[in-house]
Amino acid sequence: MRIFWLKIAAIVTVLGAITGCSVGGGEVRAPRQLDLGAGLSAPVGNLPANRPLLLAPVTASALLNDTTVIWRVGESGQPQGFTTYRWAAPPAQLVTQRLMARLSLQGAVLEQGIGGDAPQLRLNLQSFEQLFTPDGKSSQGVLTMQAVLLRANRVVSQKLIDIKVPATSQDAAGGAQALRLATDQAAEQVAQWLTPFLKP
């Protein structure tokens, strides 16, 4: 029984540390905004030219169409939101912008409803969060996304992207940096996967 209560106390301590909540009086501050930074996190070399691609806005659950910065303890833990941090835009929008920046390095990326018979890329963002270990000593940014390539409304190919990047610090800022790297890795995977299908 004593071991059980010690485990409960440890979990409560971890949760208190990572939520960023303060106890007692004091000034209530507006949440700090996080984003994925400017420019891709890794240089891109010579790339083959692609034919134009139609990119639909990334879809996601309601949770990822909000600016809440999501974290959880363990893969089976319930999603929580940092109280003192918000994303500058919903994750689905941030990922769309990042993908467009990467894919446009190889050719025109058109918005939905433009482009006639251009191949269409559809993506569904399934997870975009900071995952902590139960002891709170480490965490990682987790991004999971389903990609589907269509041509004339027929599925040409599909790919599941699942990336985990260790966070350098166990707080929202560390998680945001890990998710930036995860997003850029996901964009690179998508670009490499698309290249054979988009040859001029």
Protein backbone atom coordinates (compact mmCIF):
# COMPACT_ATOMS: atom_id res chain seq x y z
CA MET A 1 0.00 0.00 0.00
CA ARG A 2 2.87 2.38 0.83
CA ILE A 3 4.39 1.77 -2.65
CA PHE A 4 1.02 2.54 -4.26
CA TRP A 5 0.77 5.92 -2.52
CA LEU A 6 4.37 6.73 -3.40
CA LYS A 7 3.56 6.13 -7.09
CA ILE A 8 0.50 8.36 -6.85
CA ALA A 9 2.60 11.11 -5.25
CA ALA A 10 5.20 10.83 -8.04
CA ILE A 11 2.56 11.15 -10.76
CA VAL A 12 1.02 14.20 -9.07
CA THR A 13 4.48 15.80 -8.86
CA VAL A 14 5.10 15.19 -12.58
CA LEU A 15 1.73 16.61 -13.58
CA GLY A 16 2.27 19.69 -11.47
CA ALA A 17 5.64 20.32 -13.05
CA ILE A 18 4.62 20.02 -16.68
CA THR A 19 1.33 21.89 -16.63
CA GLY A 20 3.09 25.13 -15.80
CA CYS A 21 0.53 26.01 -13.16
CA SER A 22 1.47 28.18 -10.18
CA VAL A 23 0.04 28.02 -6.69
CA GLY A 24 -0.98 31.08 -4.72
CA GLY A 25 -1.74 34.66 -5.69
CA GLY A 26 -0.10 36.63 -8.40
CA GLU A 27 -0.70 38.26 -11.72
CA VAL A 28 -2.47 36.13 -14.33
CA ARG A 29 -0.54 36.35 -17.59
CA ALA A 30 -1.78 35.75 -21.10
CA PRO A 31 -0.63 32.39 -22.52
CA ARG A 32 2.69 32.50 -24.33
CA GLN A 33 2.48 31.69 -28.05
CA LEU A 34 4.52 28.93 -29.67
CA ASP A 35 5.10 28.29 -33.36
CA LEU A 36 7.30 26.15 -35.61
CA GLY A 37 9.81 28.89 -36.40
CA ALA A 38 10.85 30.40 -39.71
CA GLY A 39 12.38 28.30 -42.47
CA LEU A 40 13.03 24.57 -42.62
CA SER A 41 15.20 23.13 -39.86
CA ALA A 42 17.58 21.35 -42.26
CA PRO A 43 19.08 22.57 -45.56
CA VAL A 44 17.72 20.99 -48.73
CA GLY A 45 20.11 20.22 -51.59
CA ASN A 46 19.47 19.93 -55.32
CA LEU A 47 15.96 18.62 -55.90
CA PRO A 48 14.25 17.26 -59.02
CA ALA A 49 11.48 19.39 -60.49
CA ASN A 50 7.92 18.18 -59.97
CA ARG A 51 4.74 18.80 -61.90
CA PRO A 52 2.16 21.03 -60.13
CA LEU A 53 0.49 19.51 -57.08
CA LEU A 54 -2.85 20.34 -55.53
CA LEU A 55 -2.58 20.47 -51.71
CA ALA A 56 -5.79 20.36 -49.71
CA PRO A 57 -5.63 21.91 -46.21
CA VAL A 58 -4.53 19.33 -43.64
CA THR A 59 -7.53 17.89 -41.81
CA ALA A 60 -7.48 16.88 -38.15
CA SER A 61 -9.67 16.20 -35.14
CA ALA A 62 -11.27 19.12 -33.29
CA LEU A 63 -8.48 18.85 -30.71
CA LEU A 64 -5.85 19.65 -33.36
CA ASN A 65 -7.91 22.39 -34.98
CA ASP A 66 -7.58 24.36 -31.76
CA THR A 67 -4.50 26.25 -30.49
CA THR A 68 -4.16 24.16 -27.31
CA VAL A 69 -0.63 22.78 -26.81
CA ILE A 70 -1.31 19.10 -26.12
CA TRP A 71 0.71 16.84 -23.83
CA ARG A 72 0.13 13.50 -22.17
CA VAL A 73 1.88 11.12 -19.79
CA GLY A 74 2.39 7.72 -21.44
CA GLU A 75 0.80 6.64 -24.70
CA SER A 76 -2.40 5.60 -22.92
CA GLY A 77 -2.66 8.85 -20.93
CA GLN A 78 -5.44 11.34 -21.47
CA PRO A 79 -4.55 14.39 -23.61
CA GLN A 80 -4.05 17.56 -21.58
CA GLY A 81 -3.32 21.17 -22.48
CA PHE A 82 -0.61 23.45 -21.12
CA THR A 83 -2.31 26.30 -19.27
CA THR A 84 0.36 28.93 -19.98
CA TYR A 85 1.08 28.18 -23.66
CA ARG A 86 -0.89 28.25 -26.92
CA TRP A 87 0.04 27.57 -30.52
CA ALA A 88 0.14 30.67 -32.73
CA ALA A 89 -2.28 28.81 -35.05
CA PRO A 90 -3.98 25.40 -34.90
CA PRO A 91 -1.51 22.51 -35.52
CA ALA A 92 -3.36 21.48 -38.70
CA GLN A 93 -2.71 24.96 -40.12
CA LEU A 94 0.92 25.04 -38.98
CA VAL A 95 1.60 21.66 -40.60
CA THR A 96 -0.12 22.76 -43.84
CA GLN A 97 2.14 25.83 -44.03
CA ARG A 98 5.26 23.75 -43.36
CA LEU A 99 4.37 21.16 -45.99
CA MET A 100 3.63 23.84 -48.58
CA ALA A 101 7.01 25.47 -47.88
CA ARG A 102 8.84 22.17 -48.42
CA LEU A 103 6.88 20.90 -51.43
CA SER A 104 7.07 24.24 -53.24
CA LEU A 105 10.86 23.81 -53.44
CA GLN A 106 10.24 21.24 -56.20
CA GLY A 107 7.32 22.77 -58.05
CA ALA A 108 4.07 24.70 -57.89
CA VAL A 109 1.78 23.83 -54.98
CA LEU A 110 -1.79 24.87 -55.72
CA GLU A 111 -4.70 25.45 -53.39
CA GLN A 112 -7.76 23.24 -53.39
CA GLY A 113 -10.16 24.08 -56.22
CA ILE A 114 -7.36 25.22 -58.56
CA GLY A 115 -5.33 23.21 -61.00
CA GLY A 116 -7.74 21.15 -63.10
CA ASP A 117 -6.39 17.60 -63.39
CA ALA A 118 -3.32 18.15 -61.17
CA PRO A 119 -2.60 15.33 -58.69
CA GLN A 120 -4.10 16.06 -55.29
CA LEU A 121 -2.48 15.45 -51.89
CA ARG A 122 -4.73 14.99 -48.89
CA LEU A 123 -3.39 14.68 -45.36
CA ASN A 124 -4.99 13.90 -42.03
CA LEU A 125 -3.09 14.89 -38.88
CA GLN A 126 -3.75 12.26 -36.22
CA SER A 127 -1.39 13.29 -33.43
CA PHE A 128 0.70 16.36 -32.68
CA GLU A 129 1.69 16.34 -29.03
CA GLN A 130 4.39 16.13 -26.39
CA LEU A 131 4.54 12.66 -24.84
CA PHE A 132 6.13 12.39 -21.37
CA THR A 133 7.45 9.28 -19.70
CA PRO A 134 5.63 8.42 -16.43
CA ASP A 135 8.55 9.73 -14.35
CA GLY A 136 8.59 13.07 -16.23
CA LYS A 137 12.34 12.80 -16.90
CA SER A 138 12.05 12.71 -20.68
CA SER A 139 9.58 13.46 -23.44
CA GLN A 140 9.26 13.50 -27.19
CA GLY A 141 7.34 15.33 -29.86
CA VAL A 142 4.99 12.93 -31.63
CA LEU A 143 3.51 13.54 -35.08
CA THR A 144 1.33 11.00 -36.88
CA MET A 145 -0.21 11.77 -40.25
CA GLN A 146 -1.94 9.85 -43.05
CA ALA A 147 -1.10 10.98 -46.59
CA VAL A 148 -3.14 10.05 -49.67
CA LEU A 149 -2.30 10.96 -53.28
CA LEU A 150 -5.24 11.18 -55.70
CA ARG A 151 -5.42 11.60 -59.43
CA ALA A 152 -8.83 12.05 -61.11
CA ASN A 153 -10.42 11.21 -57.75
CA ARG A 154 -8.70 7.81 -57.65
CA VAL A 155 -6.19 6.79 -54.99
CA VAL A 156 -2.71 6.52 -56.50
CA SER A 157 -0.80 5.83 -53.28
CA GLN A 158 -0.97 6.38 -49.55
CA LYS A 159 1.53 6.59 -46.72
CA LEU A 160 1.44 6.69 -42.93
CA ILE A 161 3.92 9.12 -41.37
CA ASP A 162 4.81 8.42 -37.74
CA ILE A 163 7.66 10.44 -36.23
CA LYS A 164 8.96 10.82 -32.68
CA VAL A 165 11.68 13.34 -31.83
CA PRO A 166 13.21 13.60 -28.31
CA ALA A 167 12.67 16.94 -26.56
CA THR A 168 15.75 18.73 -25.27
CA SER A 169 13.85 20.13 -22.27
CA GLN A 170 10.85 18.83 -20.36
CA ASP A 171 8.58 21.82 -20.89
CA ALA A 172 6.33 23.27 -23.58
CA ALA A 173 9.23 25.03 -25.32
CA GLY A 174 11.18 21.77 -25.56
CA GLY A 175 8.12 20.01 -26.91
CA ALA A 176 7.53 22.74 -29.51
CA GLN A 177 11.11 22.44 -30.76
CA ALA A 178 10.76 18.64 -31.01
CA LEU A 179 7.50 19.04 -32.94
CA ARG A 180 9.16 21.52 -35.30
CA LEU A 181 11.80 18.92 -36.16
CA ALA A 182 9.13 16.21 -36.42
CA THR A 183 7.09 18.37 -38.80
CA ASP A 184 10.09 19.05 -41.03
CA GLN A 185 10.96 15.34 -41.06
CA ALA A 186 7.37 14.54 -41.97
CA ALA A 187 7.43 17.11 -44.78
CA GLU A 188 10.65 15.59 -46.12
CA GLN A 189 9.19 12.07 -46.00
CA VAL A 190 6.11 13.26 -47.89
CA ALA A 191 8.27 15.05 -50.49
CA GLN A 192 10.46 11.99 -51.07
CA TRP A 193 7.41 9.72 -51.32
CA LEU A 194 5.69 12.04 -53.84
CA THR A 195 8.67 12.61 -56.16
CA PRO A 196 8.29 9.45 -58.31
CA PHE A 197 4.59 10.24 -58.89
CA LEU A 198 5.16 13.88 -59.85
CA LYS A 199 7.80 13.58 -62.56
CA PRO A 200 7.08 16.08 -65.37
